[in-house]
Amino acid sequence: MKSIHPFIHKRVMFLILLSGVLSFGSAQEFNAKVTVSYAQIGSTVDKKVFQTLQTALLNFVNKRKWSSDVFEMNEKIECSFLLNLQQVVEPNVYKGSLTIQAARPIFNTGYQSPLINFIDNDVTFRYVEFQPVEFNENRVSSSEPLTGNLSAIFAYYINIILGLDYDSYTPRGGDAYFQKANSIVSSAPDGRSISGWKAFDGQRNRYWLAENLQNSRYALLHDAIYTYYRQGFDKMIENEKDAREQLLNSFSMLNTLNTETPNLMVMPFFFQGKTDEIIRVFKKASPQDKARVLDLCTRLDISNVSKYKQELK
């Protein structure tokens, strides 16, 4: 029998609510798609190297066990990773970006709501064909930092996805995974070509995302995530009016956090990929609710202000 995670696993919770019967299995957590794009890499590199890398990364994400909980086949988290290679820094060393997307199924519907839709532009790593992609939580930096950097980045975002997924089902349910992501940051590979792991590398990087998600001062963020998904979208079929009210509550929490601590990285991070679904939900809302969501989202989702004003007027 599996050991029970300190936070009640969301799927166990739903099974208790629905049937009172626990179903045990051994499936891994992710149904991930991994794509390595190398169109910008010149003809001097054998492209088979990137096909081998893509397979290695796919196996790394999908076949490794990332938590102690049971995930049935139909419970796997849907996500995708696009590694876009842009430059050969030196032989076998590549620089590029990583696009991370993950979604969360909404209860009693076939709809998947975005959990994360983010581009990391600080990806530099060494890879030699058939080299195993490995990750050791106790030795994150690896014996060769540039080699270990790619697996550390993937492991970091896997824990971020798990944390967001758990948060969306259970209050503060993702804490353990955000702590793991923060531990990866603390022990991350270090080198002249490696960036994104330190506070001084920029204002929108892996350091600040993990810091924001793990900092107890920003606990309202986690309440907002839970309210948005579990109390809002999961109740949309049951009672649309009440569900919209819960979405507004989640935005009010985020607005309080934003007022207390402006310019947190997690604010635009939360809204990336959500603008269209928010507009769809509130297009048929009452004038009062439209006015409220317009006021809140134009403060919080700054890059999409004109879209909200056009669609919710």
Protein backbone atom coordinates (compact mmCIF):
# COMPACT_ATOMS: atom_id res chain seq x y z
CA MET A 1 0.00 0.00 0.00
CA LYS A 2 1.26 3.45 -0.84
CA SER A 3 2.20 5.97 1.82
CA ILE A 4 -0.26 8.82 2.18
CA HIS A 5 1.04 12.28 1.29
CA PRO A 6 0.70 14.85 4.11
CA PHE A 7 -1.61 16.83 1.85
CA ILE A 8 -4.68 14.83 0.85
CA HIS A 9 -4.19 13.88 -2.74
CA LYS A 10 -6.84 15.47 -4.90
CA ARG A 11 -7.77 12.31 -6.68
CA VAL A 12 -8.17 10.41 -3.42
CA MET A 13 -10.31 13.28 -2.17
CA PHE A 14 -12.60 13.10 -5.18
CA LEU A 15 -12.91 9.33 -4.89
CA ILE A 16 -13.87 9.68 -1.25
CA LEU A 17 -16.47 12.27 -2.13
CA LEU A 18 -17.89 10.33 -5.03
CA SER A 19 -17.75 6.72 -4.02
CA GLY A 20 -15.87 6.14 -0.79
CA VAL A 21 -13.67 3.65 -2.59
CA LEU A 22 -9.91 4.07 -3.08
CA SER A 23 -8.33 2.73 -6.23
CA PHE A 24 -4.60 2.06 -6.16
CA GLY A 25 -2.17 1.98 -9.08
CA SER A 26 1.40 2.75 -9.98
CA ALA A 27 1.17 5.07 -12.97
CA GLN A 28 3.45 8.07 -13.14
CA GLU A 29 2.10 11.59 -12.87
CA PHE A 30 2.46 13.07 -16.36
CA ASN A 31 1.13 12.64 -19.84
CA ALA A 32 3.65 15.04 -21.33
CA LYS A 33 4.52 15.96 -24.87
CA VAL A 34 8.14 17.03 -25.36
CA THR A 35 9.30 18.71 -28.55
CA VAL A 36 12.86 19.76 -29.36
CA SER A 37 12.89 22.40 -32.11
CA TYR A 38 16.23 22.90 -33.85
CA ALA A 39 15.36 24.87 -37.02
CA GLN A 40 17.76 27.66 -36.03
CA ILE A 41 20.71 25.30 -35.57
CA GLY A 42 23.01 25.15 -38.59
CA SER A 43 23.90 22.15 -40.68
CA THR A 44 27.18 21.53 -38.84
CA VAL A 45 25.28 19.55 -36.16
CA ASP A 46 23.82 16.12 -36.91
CA LYS A 47 20.07 16.57 -36.33
CA LYS A 48 19.74 13.01 -35.02
CA VAL A 49 21.26 14.32 -31.80
CA PHE A 50 18.11 16.39 -31.16
CA GLN A 51 15.76 13.52 -31.93
CA THR A 52 17.65 11.41 -29.38
CA LEU A 53 17.46 14.28 -26.87
CA GLN A 54 13.71 14.61 -27.42
CA THR A 55 13.16 10.93 -26.65
CA ALA A 56 15.40 11.12 -23.58
CA LEU A 57 13.49 14.13 -22.21
CA LEU A 58 10.12 12.52 -22.94
CA ASN A 59 11.13 9.45 -20.95
CA PHE A 60 12.59 11.63 -18.20
CA VAL A 61 9.27 13.42 -17.64
CA ASN A 62 6.83 10.58 -18.23
CA LYS A 63 8.59 7.53 -16.82
CA ARG A 64 10.12 8.91 -13.64
CA LYS A 65 8.04 8.90 -10.43
CA TRP A 66 7.86 12.47 -9.17
CA SER A 67 5.61 12.05 -6.14
CA SER A 68 4.62 9.40 -3.62
CA ASP A 69 0.95 9.51 -4.64
CA VAL A 70 -1.04 7.24 -6.91
CA PHE A 71 -2.05 8.62 -10.30
CA GLU A 72 -4.42 6.49 -12.35
CA MET A 73 -4.05 6.55 -16.13
CA ASN A 74 -6.94 8.98 -16.57
CA GLU A 75 -5.56 11.26 -13.85
CA LYS A 76 -2.22 12.09 -15.40
CA ILE A 77 -1.44 15.78 -15.76
CA GLU A 78 -1.57 16.97 -19.36
CA CYS A 79 1.42 19.16 -20.18
CA SER A 80 3.89 20.04 -22.89
CA PHE A 81 7.47 21.23 -23.09
CA LEU A 82 8.85 22.94 -26.19
CA LEU A 83 12.63 23.25 -26.13
CA ASN A 84 13.48 25.74 -28.85
CA LEU A 85 17.22 25.64 -29.60
CA GLN A 86 18.54 28.91 -30.98
CA GLN A 87 22.33 28.79 -30.81
CA VAL A 88 25.36 26.52 -30.55
CA VAL A 89 27.49 28.18 -27.88
CA GLU A 90 30.36 25.73 -28.31
CA PRO A 91 30.54 22.08 -29.41
CA ASN A 92 27.70 20.15 -27.70
CA VAL A 93 26.55 23.24 -25.78
CA TYR A 94 23.21 24.77 -26.79
CA LYS A 95 21.24 27.87 -25.84
CA GLY A 96 17.52 28.34 -26.27
CA SER A 97 14.15 28.74 -24.58
CA LEU A 98 11.68 26.38 -22.94
CA THR A 99 7.92 26.84 -23.23
CA ILE A 100 6.01 25.09 -20.47
CA GLN A 101 2.27 24.50 -20.65
CA ALA A 102 0.02 22.45 -18.40
CA ALA A 103 -3.73 22.19 -17.92
CA ARG A 104 -6.13 21.00 -15.27
CA PRO A 105 -9.46 19.24 -16.06
CA ILE A 106 -12.58 21.00 -14.84
CA PHE A 107 -14.99 18.83 -12.90
CA ASN A 108 -17.96 17.39 -14.83
CA THR A 109 -16.77 18.87 -18.13
CA GLY A 110 -14.34 18.04 -20.91
CA TYR A 111 -12.66 21.41 -20.49
CA GLN A 112 -9.01 21.84 -19.48
CA SER A 113 -8.11 25.10 -17.75
CA PRO A 114 -4.53 26.38 -18.06
CA LEU A 115 -2.30 25.91 -15.01
CA ILE A 116 0.89 27.27 -16.53
CA ASN A 117 1.76 28.91 -19.83
CA PHE A 118 5.28 30.26 -19.48
CA ILE A 119 8.43 30.78 -21.55
CA ASP A 120 11.83 30.46 -19.89
CA ASN A 121 14.47 32.20 -22.02
CA ASP A 122 17.47 31.17 -19.90
CA VAL A 123 18.19 27.63 -21.05
CA THR A 124 21.81 26.68 -21.73
CA PHE A 125 23.07 23.11 -21.46
CA ARG A 126 25.53 20.51 -22.69
CA TYR A 127 24.27 17.38 -24.43
CA VAL A 128 26.12 14.61 -26.23
CA GLU A 129 24.06 12.06 -28.17
CA PHE A 130 22.89 9.08 -26.06
CA GLN A 131 23.99 10.83 -22.89
CA PRO A 132 21.41 9.92 -20.19
CA VAL A 133 19.21 12.69 -18.82
CA GLU A 134 19.50 12.21 -15.08
CA PHE A 135 18.47 14.09 -11.97
CA ASN A 136 19.46 13.55 -8.35
CA GLU A 137 17.65 15.66 -5.74
CA ASN A 138 20.67 15.35 -3.47
CA ARG A 139 23.10 16.49 -6.15
CA VAL A 140 21.18 18.91 -8.33
CA SER A 141 24.25 20.63 -9.79
CA SER A 142 25.64 17.32 -11.12
CA SER A 143 29.34 16.67 -11.62
CA GLU A 144 29.28 18.87 -14.72
CA PRO A 145 27.04 21.97 -14.31
CA LEU A 146 26.17 22.52 -17.98
CA THR A 147 25.19 18.86 -18.34
CA GLY A 148 23.07 18.95 -15.20
CA ASN A 149 21.40 22.26 -16.02
CA LEU A 150 18.85 20.86 -18.48
CA SER A 151 17.57 18.11 -16.17
CA ALA A 152 17.51 20.58 -13.25
CA ILE A 153 15.36 23.00 -15.27
CA PHE A 154 12.93 20.24 -16.27
CA ALA A 155 12.76 18.89 -12.68
CA TYR A 156 12.13 22.43 -11.43
CA TYR A 157 9.16 23.01 -13.73
CA ILE A 158 7.77 19.54 -13.07
CA ASN A 159 7.61 20.41 -9.37
CA ILE A 160 6.07 23.81 -10.15
CA ILE A 161 3.36 22.05 -12.21
CA LEU A 162 2.72 19.51 -9.45
CA GLY A 163 2.50 22.30 -6.88
CA LEU A 164 -0.01 24.26 -8.94
CA ASP A 165 -2.03 21.12 -9.65
CA TYR A 166 -2.23 20.17 -5.96
CA ASP A 167 -2.98 23.76 -4.94
CA SER A 168 -5.95 23.79 -7.32
CA TYR A 169 -7.61 20.86 -5.52
CA THR A 170 -6.59 21.25 -1.87
CA PRO A 171 -5.93 24.43 0.16
CA ARG A 172 -2.13 24.90 0.21
CA GLY A 173 -1.83 21.43 -1.25
CA GLY A 174 1.19 22.26 -3.39
CA ASP A 175 3.52 23.43 -0.63
CA ALA A 176 5.73 20.34 -0.67
CA TYR A 177 6.38 20.70 -4.41
CA PHE A 178 7.07 24.42 -4.25
CA GLN A 179 9.58 23.65 -1.51
CA LYS A 180 11.20 21.07 -3.79
CA ALA A 181 11.39 23.65 -6.58
CA ASN A 182 12.96 26.11 -4.17
CA SER A 183 15.50 23.47 -3.10
CA ILE A 184 16.45 22.96 -6.75
CA VAL A 185 17.03 26.71 -7.04
CA SER A 186 19.22 26.71 -3.92
CA SER A 187 21.38 23.85 -5.24
CA ALA A 188 21.20 24.72 -8.94
CA PRO A 189 24.12 24.32 -11.35
CA ASP A 190 26.40 27.33 -11.43
CA GLY A 191 28.62 28.50 -14.26
CA ARG A 192 29.52 31.33 -16.59
CA SER A 193 26.93 30.35 -19.22
CA ILE A 194 24.18 29.40 -16.77
CA SER A 195 21.51 31.92 -15.77
CA GLY A 196 17.97 32.07 -14.42
CA TRP A 197 18.67 30.56 -11.00
CA LYS A 198 19.74 33.68 -9.10
CA ALA A 199 17.95 36.79 -7.88
CA PHE A 200 20.27 39.08 -9.86
CA ASP A 201 19.65 37.21 -13.15
CA GLY A 202 16.47 39.23 -13.69
CA GLN A 203 13.01 39.93 -12.24
CA ARG A 204 11.15 37.15 -14.08
CA ASN A 205 13.16 33.98 -13.66
CA ARG A 206 13.19 30.62 -11.87
CA TYR A 207 14.52 32.14 -8.65
CA TRP A 208 11.69 34.66 -8.30
CA LEU A 209 8.93 32.26 -9.33
CA ALA A 210 9.96 29.73 -6.68
CA GLU A 211 10.47 32.50 -4.12
CA ASN A 212 7.00 33.94 -4.73
CA LEU A 213 5.31 30.53 -4.60
CA GLN A 214 7.10 29.48 -1.43
CA ASN A 215 7.11 32.77 0.51
CA SER A 216 4.60 32.66 3.38
CA ARG A 217 3.98 36.41 2.95
CA TYR A 218 2.16 35.63 -0.30
CA ALA A 219 -0.14 32.95 1.10
CA LEU A 220 -3.16 34.69 -0.47
CA LEU A 221 -1.88 33.54 -3.86
CA HIS A 222 -2.50 29.91 -2.92
CA ASP A 223 -5.96 30.71 -1.57
CA ALA A 224 -6.70 32.43 -4.89
CA ILE A 225 -5.52 29.41 -6.91
CA TYR A 226 -7.72 27.03 -4.89
CA THR A 227 -10.71 29.38 -5.09
CA TYR A 228 -10.30 29.96 -8.84
CA TYR A 229 -10.26 26.27 -9.76
CA ARG A 230 -11.98 24.25 -7.03
CA GLN A 231 -14.57 26.76 -5.82
CA GLY A 232 -14.99 28.53 -9.14
CA PHE A 233 -14.54 26.50 -12.30
CA ASP A 234 -15.30 23.11 -10.70
CA LYS A 235 -18.70 24.46 -9.60
CA MET A 236 -19.53 26.13 -12.93
CA ILE A 237 -21.92 23.38 -14.09
CA GLU A 238 -23.56 23.16 -10.67
CA ASN A 239 -24.20 26.89 -10.18
CA GLU A 240 -22.75 29.32 -12.71
CA LYS A 241 -23.66 32.48 -10.81
CA ASP A 242 -22.02 31.30 -7.59
CA ALA A 243 -19.01 30.02 -9.50
CA ARG A 244 -18.48 33.44 -11.09
CA GLU A 245 -18.69 34.98 -7.61
CA GLN A 246 -15.89 32.68 -6.48
CA LEU A 247 -13.77 33.70 -9.46
CA LEU A 248 -14.29 37.31 -8.45
CA ASN A 249 -13.26 36.38 -4.90
CA SER A 250 -10.04 34.89 -6.23
CA PHE A 251 -9.30 38.09 -8.16
CA SER A 252 -10.01 40.16 -5.04
CA MET A 253 -7.43 38.10 -3.14
CA LEU A 254 -4.90 38.67 -5.89
CA ASN A 255 -5.71 42.38 -5.88
CA THR A 256 -5.07 42.56 -2.13
CA LEU A 257 -1.74 40.81 -2.64
CA ASN A 258 -0.85 43.08 -5.54
CA THR A 259 -1.70 46.19 -3.51
CA GLU A 260 0.45 45.03 -0.60
CA THR A 261 3.36 43.87 -2.78
CA PRO A 262 3.30 45.28 -6.34
CA ASN A 263 5.20 43.77 -9.26
CA LEU A 264 5.41 40.20 -8.01
CA MET A 265 6.38 37.76 -10.75
CA VAL A 266 3.48 35.44 -9.87
CA MET A 267 0.87 38.00 -10.88
CA PRO A 268 1.43 37.95 -14.66
CA PHE A 269 2.42 34.29 -14.28
CA PHE A 270 -1.03 33.45 -12.88
CA PHE A 271 -2.90 35.17 -15.69
CA GLN A 272 -0.87 33.85 -18.64
CA GLY A 273 -3.23 31.69 -20.68
CA LYS A 274 -6.30 32.59 -18.60
CA THR A 275 -7.46 35.85 -20.21
CA ASP A 276 -9.68 34.24 -22.84
CA GLU A 277 -11.37 31.85 -20.41
CA ILE A 278 -12.07 34.69 -17.96
CA ILE A 279 -13.64 36.74 -20.73
CA ARG A 280 -15.76 33.76 -21.89
CA VAL A 281 -17.11 33.20 -18.40
CA PHE A 282 -17.98 36.85 -17.75
CA LYS A 283 -19.33 37.78 -21.18
CA LYS A 284 -22.77 36.57 -20.13
CA ALA A 285 -22.51 37.86 -16.55
CA SER A 286 -24.60 40.64 -15.07
CA PRO A 287 -23.49 44.24 -15.73
CA GLN A 288 -22.41 44.49 -12.10
CA ASP A 289 -20.17 41.40 -12.34
CA LYS A 290 -18.77 42.56 -15.66
CA ALA A 291 -17.86 45.88 -14.08
CA ARG A 292 -16.20 44.15 -11.13
CA VAL A 293 -14.13 41.75 -13.22
CA LEU A 294 -13.16 44.55 -15.59
CA ASP A 295 -11.97 46.68 -12.67
CA LEU A 296 -9.97 43.84 -11.10
CA CYS A 297 -8.46 42.27 -14.21
CA THR A 298 -7.38 45.56 -15.75
CA ARG A 299 -5.35 46.10 -12.56
CA LEU A 300 -3.94 42.59 -12.42
CA ASP A 301 -3.59 41.36 -16.02
CA ILE A 302 -1.92 44.50 -17.35
CA SER A 303 -0.82 43.15 -20.73
CA ASN A 304 -4.43 42.35 -21.66
CA VAL A 305 -6.19 45.52 -20.50
CA SER A 306 -7.40 46.48 -23.99
CA LYS A 307 -8.80 42.98 -24.55
CA TYR A 308 -10.85 43.10 -21.36
CA LYS A 309 -12.15 46.56 -22.19
CA GLN A 310 -13.14 45.54 -25.70
CA GLU A 311 -14.78 42.23 -24.81
CA LEU A 312 -16.48 43.12 -21.51
CA LYS A 313 -17.79 46.61 -22.24
